[in-house]
Amino acid sequence: APLSVEQARPSPENGRAPSSSTGADKDRVLQTLGTSAKMERCPHCVHPVVVGVSGPTRSGKTTLARALVARYRTRMATPMIPMDCFFDLAKIYGDVASKGLEFPDWECPEALNLKQLQEEIAYQVSVATQLCPSCKERQGVDQPPHTEPTTLGWQRYKEHVQEERDRRKGNDDQQLDCTQPHVVLVEGFLLFIKEPRIFHFDKHIFVSAPGPVCRQRRMSTTHVPDRYYDEVIWPSYLNYNAHLPDWLAAGMDLLVLDGTQPAEQLASAACAYVEGRHEICVEDRETGAALLHESLQQLPPQQHHLLDEQYTDGKKTSNWRCVLL
């Protein structure tokens, strides 16, 4: 019999929350957050603010990210970097065949080419850095090489980049503002996993929402098979984000927003945080912990359709292995 995704997938430590929050645990977490995937920075250059926006499916993270793009368009040397552009299609469907999976697993770090994502973020950060005279002389020497990813959705991302450049041509109010630090924005559902660390973000934003809300939103927009949602999407979210309450308690600079609130309210809070007009305080941590606790819950049992009743963009198909989610 075909294996389920949970049976075939390794059991990583990614989402396992520490059993206690001792002082040693907090020191270890803060050391990890402060050093892993962090780039060396010249103190004389004007470095961009690197913002990561994450959250469960249909929590509102993409809507918020788009609002931030609209707000900071003139401070963004590159458009938003979507994690979804780095799915490794060959790996995803290769695992179905090699591991005998019942259906493809799009919800784990192994489904993404994280190395290419990290390289793209590093490259765009270098592009968005306003160099000091000394670094300008060395430009091209220390700059990370830019190898175009070959992952799913990359062509669409390239077209988006070109559209943004074309929009700015001859449009004075869209020209890049070099009087302020630029903004690099990354959006994705696995940005804050435990291992491997994706990148050293300057600002961490997590849009949270209860499981039933995310499920209802997902099923009313991009319908997926019930079993896939209940047995893969939501358990994967719980597994790879279970550590966030401990990280928040340990002092992680993390703004947790309620995805059930109006989009304008979320955008306003996020902008205040990105711009340094709002620092994460004790009250924010308590509110964030409550939101995460509500979100990181198992879904109530559901009655599922037969295995061969599948959906792709609202249309039935008969083969689990052909579903592009």
Protein backbone atom coordinates (compact mmCIF):
# COMPACT_ATOMS: atom_id res chain seq x y z
CA ALA A 1 0.00 0.00 0.00
CA PRO A 2 1.26 3.52 -0.76
CA LEU A 3 2.81 5.32 2.16
CA SER A 4 1.25 8.48 3.48
CA VAL A 5 3.42 11.59 3.50
CA GLU A 6 3.72 11.48 7.28
CA GLN A 7 4.91 7.85 7.21
CA ALA A 8 7.54 8.50 4.52
CA ARG A 9 8.79 11.88 5.71
CA PRO A 10 11.75 11.99 8.08
CA SER A 11 11.00 13.26 11.60
CA PRO A 12 13.09 16.46 11.75
CA GLU A 13 13.66 18.50 14.84
CA ASN A 14 12.37 21.56 12.94
CA GLY A 15 9.05 21.88 14.62
CA ARG A 16 9.73 20.29 17.98
CA ALA A 17 9.41 22.88 20.70
CA PRO A 18 11.95 22.60 23.52
CA SER A 19 10.56 20.89 26.61
CA SER A 20 11.51 23.80 28.82
CA SER A 21 12.41 27.46 28.56
CA THR A 22 15.47 27.59 30.76
CA GLY A 23 18.00 30.38 30.64
CA ALA A 24 20.33 28.12 28.66
CA ASP A 25 17.56 27.47 26.14
CA LYS A 26 16.99 31.18 25.70
CA ASP A 27 20.68 31.89 25.25
CA ARG A 28 20.94 29.13 22.65
CA VAL A 29 17.89 30.41 20.74
CA LEU A 30 19.13 34.01 20.73
CA GLN A 31 22.60 32.93 19.65
CA THR A 32 21.09 30.97 16.75
CA LEU A 33 18.88 33.86 15.70
CA GLY A 34 21.76 36.28 15.88
CA THR A 35 24.41 34.38 13.99
CA SER A 36 22.95 31.79 11.62
CA ALA A 37 22.76 32.85 7.97
CA LYS A 38 23.90 36.37 8.85
CA MET A 39 25.95 38.30 6.32
CA GLU A 40 28.98 40.39 7.18
CA ARG A 41 28.02 44.05 7.01
CA CYS A 42 30.22 47.05 6.39
CA PRO A 43 29.36 49.65 9.06
CA HIS A 44 29.72 52.50 6.53
CA CYS A 45 27.23 51.24 3.93
CA VAL A 46 23.46 51.85 4.15
CA HIS A 47 22.04 48.35 4.46
CA PRO A 48 18.47 47.42 3.56
CA VAL A 49 15.84 46.33 6.05
CA VAL A 50 15.24 42.64 5.29
CA VAL A 51 11.67 41.72 6.19
CA GLY A 52 10.29 38.17 6.38
CA VAL A 53 6.52 37.61 6.32
CA SER A 54 5.26 34.15 7.19
CA GLY A 55 2.21 32.29 8.48
CA PRO A 56 -0.07 29.35 7.73
CA THR A 57 -1.97 28.89 4.49
CA ARG A 58 -4.56 31.60 3.85
CA SER A 59 -3.73 33.46 7.06
CA GLY A 60 -3.37 36.71 5.12
CA LYS A 61 0.42 36.79 4.83
CA THR A 62 0.46 37.37 1.05
CA THR A 63 -2.18 40.09 1.32
CA LEU A 64 -0.06 41.82 3.96
CA ALA A 65 3.12 41.40 1.89
CA ARG A 66 1.41 43.05 -1.09
CA ALA A 67 0.31 45.93 1.13
CA LEU A 68 3.93 46.38 2.25
CA VAL A 69 5.06 46.36 -1.39
CA ALA A 70 2.56 49.15 -2.15
CA ARG A 71 3.80 51.11 0.86
CA TYR A 72 7.53 50.70 0.18
CA ARG A 73 7.57 50.52 -3.61
CA THR A 74 10.01 53.43 -3.89
CA ARG A 75 12.28 51.84 -1.27
CA MET A 76 12.44 48.44 -2.92
CA ALA A 77 15.28 47.87 -5.37
CA THR A 78 13.68 44.51 -6.17
CA PRO A 79 10.10 43.23 -5.96
CA MET A 80 8.98 40.89 -3.21
CA ILE A 81 10.68 37.49 -3.21
CA PRO A 82 7.99 34.76 -2.91
CA MET A 83 9.09 31.45 -1.42
CA ASP A 84 6.57 29.72 -3.71
CA CYS A 85 8.85 30.48 -6.67
CA PHE A 86 11.38 27.99 -5.28
CA PHE A 87 9.41 24.75 -5.30
CA ASP A 88 11.57 21.90 -6.60
CA LEU A 89 9.08 20.15 -8.87
CA ALA A 90 11.46 17.32 -9.84
CA LYS A 91 12.16 16.56 -6.18
CA ILE A 92 8.47 16.70 -5.19
CA TYR A 93 7.31 14.25 -7.85
CA GLY A 94 10.50 12.21 -7.66
CA ASP A 95 9.68 11.47 -4.02
CA VAL A 96 6.22 10.28 -5.00
CA ALA A 97 7.81 7.65 -7.23
CA SER A 98 10.89 6.75 -5.19
CA LYS A 99 9.20 6.66 -1.77
CA GLY A 100 5.85 5.29 -2.96
CA LEU A 101 3.94 8.24 -1.54
CA GLU A 102 0.20 8.40 -1.82
CA PHE A 103 0.42 12.00 -3.01
CA PRO A 104 3.07 14.72 -3.51
CA ASP A 105 4.18 16.68 -0.46
CA TRP A 106 4.49 20.42 -1.05
CA GLU A 107 4.53 21.38 2.62
CA CYS A 108 8.03 20.48 3.85
CA PRO A 109 11.45 22.14 3.46
CA GLU A 110 12.53 19.29 1.17
CA ALA A 111 9.94 20.45 -1.38
CA LEU A 112 11.87 23.70 -1.86
CA ASN A 113 15.31 24.50 -3.24
CA LEU A 114 16.32 26.42 -0.13
CA LYS A 115 19.88 26.94 -1.33
CA GLN A 116 18.65 28.86 -4.38
CA LEU A 117 16.25 30.85 -2.20
CA GLN A 118 19.05 31.82 0.19
CA GLU A 119 21.31 32.79 -2.71
CA GLU A 120 18.58 34.94 -4.26
CA ILE A 121 17.91 36.75 -0.98
CA ALA A 122 21.64 37.37 -0.48
CA TYR A 123 21.96 38.69 -4.03
CA GLN A 124 18.97 41.02 -3.73
CA VAL A 125 20.27 42.28 -0.38
CA SER A 126 23.57 43.13 -2.07
CA VAL A 127 21.67 44.95 -4.85
CA ALA A 128 19.67 46.93 -2.29
CA THR A 129 22.74 47.95 -0.26
CA GLN A 130 23.80 51.58 -0.75
CA LEU A 131 27.57 51.22 -0.84
CA CYS A 132 30.12 53.44 0.83
CA PRO A 133 32.98 54.76 -1.39
CA SER A 134 35.36 52.03 -0.24
CA CYS A 135 32.87 49.25 -1.02
CA LYS A 136 32.04 50.81 -4.38
CA GLU A 137 35.66 50.32 -5.39
CA ARG A 138 35.40 46.66 -4.48
CA GLN A 139 31.99 46.20 -6.10
CA GLY A 140 31.86 42.94 -7.99
CA VAL A 141 34.73 41.44 -5.98
CA ASP A 142 32.80 40.44 -2.84
CA GLN A 143 29.32 40.52 -4.37
CA PRO A 144 27.68 37.06 -4.32
CA PRO A 145 27.35 35.47 -7.78
CA HIS A 146 23.85 35.52 -9.23
CA THR A 147 22.82 32.21 -10.71
CA GLU A 148 19.23 32.27 -11.93
CA PRO A 149 17.15 29.62 -10.16
CA THR A 150 15.51 26.94 -12.27
CA THR A 151 12.63 26.31 -9.90
CA LEU A 152 8.89 26.34 -10.49
CA GLY A 153 7.50 29.87 -10.86
CA TRP A 154 10.85 31.54 -11.51
CA GLN A 155 9.84 32.71 -14.99
CA ARG A 156 6.79 34.37 -13.50
CA TYR A 157 9.01 36.06 -10.92
CA LYS A 158 11.35 37.34 -13.66
CA GLU A 159 8.39 38.78 -15.54
CA HIS A 160 7.24 40.51 -12.35
CA VAL A 161 10.71 42.02 -11.87
CA GLN A 162 10.68 43.33 -15.45
CA GLU A 163 7.19 44.80 -15.06
CA GLU A 164 8.35 46.66 -11.97
CA ARG A 165 11.35 48.08 -13.82
CA ASP A 166 9.18 49.15 -16.74
CA ARG A 167 6.73 50.81 -14.37
CA ARG A 168 9.48 53.00 -12.96
CA LYS A 169 10.79 54.20 -16.31
CA GLY A 170 9.79 57.81 -16.86
CA ASN A 171 7.65 57.85 -13.72
CA ASP A 172 9.17 60.23 -11.18
CA ASP A 173 6.94 59.20 -8.26
CA GLN A 174 8.03 55.58 -8.74
CA GLN A 175 11.78 56.21 -8.79
CA LEU A 176 13.90 54.50 -6.16
CA ASP A 177 14.33 56.66 -3.06
CA CYS A 178 17.98 56.59 -2.01
CA THR A 179 17.53 58.92 0.97
CA GLN A 180 16.35 56.02 3.16
CA PRO A 181 17.42 52.41 3.66
CA HIS A 182 15.91 50.16 1.04
CA VAL A 183 13.56 47.30 1.89
CA VAL A 184 13.95 43.66 0.85
CA LEU A 185 10.73 41.71 1.37
CA VAL A 186 10.49 37.90 1.45
CA GLU A 187 7.19 36.05 1.85
CA GLY A 188 6.63 32.36 2.49
CA PHE A 189 5.08 29.66 4.62
CA LEU A 190 8.35 28.14 5.92
CA LEU A 191 10.51 31.24 6.42
CA PHE A 192 10.98 30.79 10.17
CA ILE A 193 11.68 27.07 10.38
CA LYS A 194 14.20 25.92 12.94
CA GLU A 195 16.68 24.19 10.64
CA PRO A 196 18.00 25.20 8.24
CA ARG A 197 17.73 28.89 9.02
CA ILE A 198 16.58 30.57 5.83
CA PHE A 199 18.14 33.99 6.41
CA HIS A 200 18.95 36.57 9.08
CA PHE A 201 15.87 38.79 8.76
CA ASP A 202 15.92 42.20 10.38
CA LYS A 203 12.15 42.10 10.88
CA HIS A 204 10.05 38.97 11.43
CA ILE A 205 6.29 39.19 10.84
CA PHE A 206 4.02 36.20 11.41
CA VAL A 207 0.37 36.42 10.37
CA SER A 208 -1.52 33.95 12.54
CA ALA A 209 -5.05 32.55 12.20
CA PRO A 210 -6.98 29.66 13.79
CA GLY A 211 -7.00 26.36 11.94
CA PRO A 212 -10.72 26.33 11.07
CA VAL A 213 -10.43 29.84 9.60
CA CYS A 214 -7.44 28.89 7.43
CA ARG A 215 -9.21 25.72 6.31
CA GLN A 216 -12.40 27.53 5.32
CA ARG A 217 -10.43 30.19 3.42
CA ARG A 218 -8.31 27.62 1.61
CA MET A 219 -11.26 25.47 0.59
CA SER A 220 -13.21 28.48 -0.68
CA THR A 221 -10.32 29.76 -2.83
CA THR A 222 -7.95 27.03 -4.02
CA HIS A 223 -9.75 23.80 -3.13
CA VAL A 224 -7.55 20.84 -2.28
CA PRO A 225 -8.56 17.32 -1.29
CA ASP A 226 -9.82 17.20 2.28
CA ARG A 227 -7.36 14.48 3.25
CA TYR A 228 -4.42 16.42 1.84
CA TYR A 229 -5.34 19.47 3.89
CA ASP A 230 -6.04 17.58 7.12
CA GLU A 231 -3.20 15.05 6.87
CA VAL A 232 -0.45 17.14 5.22
CA ILE A 233 -0.99 20.91 5.03
CA TRP A 234 -2.09 21.58 8.60
CA PRO A 235 0.08 18.96 10.39
CA SER A 236 3.09 20.30 8.48
CA TYR A 237 2.31 23.83 9.63
CA LEU A 238 2.12 22.62 13.23
CA ASN A 239 5.35 20.62 12.92
CA TYR A 240 7.49 23.34 11.38
CA ASN A 241 6.24 26.22 13.54
CA ALA A 242 5.80 24.62 16.98
CA HIS A 243 9.02 26.26 18.20
CA LEU A 244 7.87 29.84 17.60
CA PRO A 245 6.25 30.39 21.04
CA ASP A 246 9.56 29.44 22.69
CA TRP A 247 11.51 31.67 20.32
CA LEU A 248 9.14 34.54 21.07
CA ALA A 249 9.52 33.97 24.82
CA ALA A 250 13.30 33.83 24.40
CA GLY A 251 13.37 37.33 22.92
CA MET A 252 12.98 36.85 19.16
CA ASP A 253 12.08 40.11 17.42
CA LEU A 254 8.80 38.70 16.10
CA LEU A 255 5.58 40.61 15.42
CA VAL A 256 2.60 38.26 15.52
CA LEU A 257 -0.52 39.65 13.86
CA ASP A 258 -4.11 38.41 13.94
CA GLY A 259 -5.01 37.40 10.39
CA THR A 260 -8.73 37.65 11.15
CA GLN A 261 -8.46 41.42 11.59
CA PRO A 262 -8.99 43.94 8.73
CA ALA A 263 -6.14 44.07 6.21
CA GLU A 264 -5.68 47.82 6.72
CA GLN A 265 -5.14 47.30 10.45
CA LEU A 266 -2.52 44.62 9.84
CA ALA A 267 -0.71 46.78 7.28
CA SER A 268 -0.62 49.74 9.65
CA ALA A 269 0.85 47.66 12.49
CA ALA A 270 3.39 46.03 10.18
CA CYS A 271 4.57 49.36 8.76
CA ALA A 272 5.04 50.83 12.23
CA TYR A 273 7.16 47.80 13.12
CA VAL A 274 9.24 47.84 9.92
CA GLU A 275 9.91 51.56 10.24
CA GLY A 276 10.97 51.28 13.89
CA ARG A 277 8.03 53.30 15.15
CA HIS A 278 6.92 50.33 17.24
CA GLU A 279 9.23 48.11 19.25
CA ILE A 280 8.18 44.62 20.36
CA CYS A 281 7.18 44.98 24.03
CA VAL A 282 6.03 42.60 26.76
CA GLU A 283 2.38 43.15 25.82
CA ASP A 284 3.16 42.29 22.18
CA ARG A 285 4.84 39.06 23.29
CA GLU A 286 1.87 38.08 25.45
CA THR A 287 -0.59 38.82 22.65
CA GLY A 288 1.61 37.04 20.13
CA ALA A 289 1.92 33.98 22.37
CA ALA A 290 -1.88 33.81 22.73
CA LEU A 291 -2.37 34.08 18.95
CA LEU A 292 0.25 31.39 18.29
CA HIS A 293 -1.30 29.11 20.90
CA GLU A 294 -4.70 29.47 19.24
CA SER A 295 -3.25 28.84 15.80
CA LEU A 296 -0.97 25.91 16.68
CA GLN A 297 -3.85 23.53 17.42
CA GLN A 298 -4.91 20.29 15.77
CA LEU A 299 -7.95 20.53 13.52
CA PRO A 300 -11.12 18.77 14.68
CA PRO A 301 -11.71 15.43 12.91
CA GLN A 302 -13.24 15.75 9.45
CA GLN A 303 -15.24 13.35 7.33
CA HIS A 304 -13.26 12.93 4.11
CA HIS A 305 -14.27 12.31 0.52
CA LEU A 306 -13.21 9.16 -1.26
CA LEU A 307 -9.55 9.09 -2.22
CA ASP A 308 -10.23 9.54 -5.95
CA GLU A 309 -12.25 12.74 -5.52
CA GLN A 310 -9.64 15.41 -6.15
CA TYR A 311 -9.73 19.05 -7.07
CA THR A 312 -7.43 21.33 -9.02
CA ASP A 313 -8.69 24.91 -9.24
CA GLY A 314 -12.19 23.65 -8.54
CA LYS A 315 -12.15 20.90 -11.19
CA LYS A 316 -12.18 17.20 -10.35
CA THR A 317 -9.33 14.98 -11.36
CA SER A 318 -8.85 11.28 -10.68
CA ASN A 319 -5.18 10.97 -9.79
CA TRP A 320 -3.55 12.12 -6.55
CA ARG A 321 -0.13 12.07 -8.18
CA CYS A 322 -1.13 14.62 -10.83
CA VAL A 323 -2.54 17.24 -8.49
CA LEU A 324 -0.64 20.55 -8.55
CA LEU A 325 -1.62 22.27 -5.32
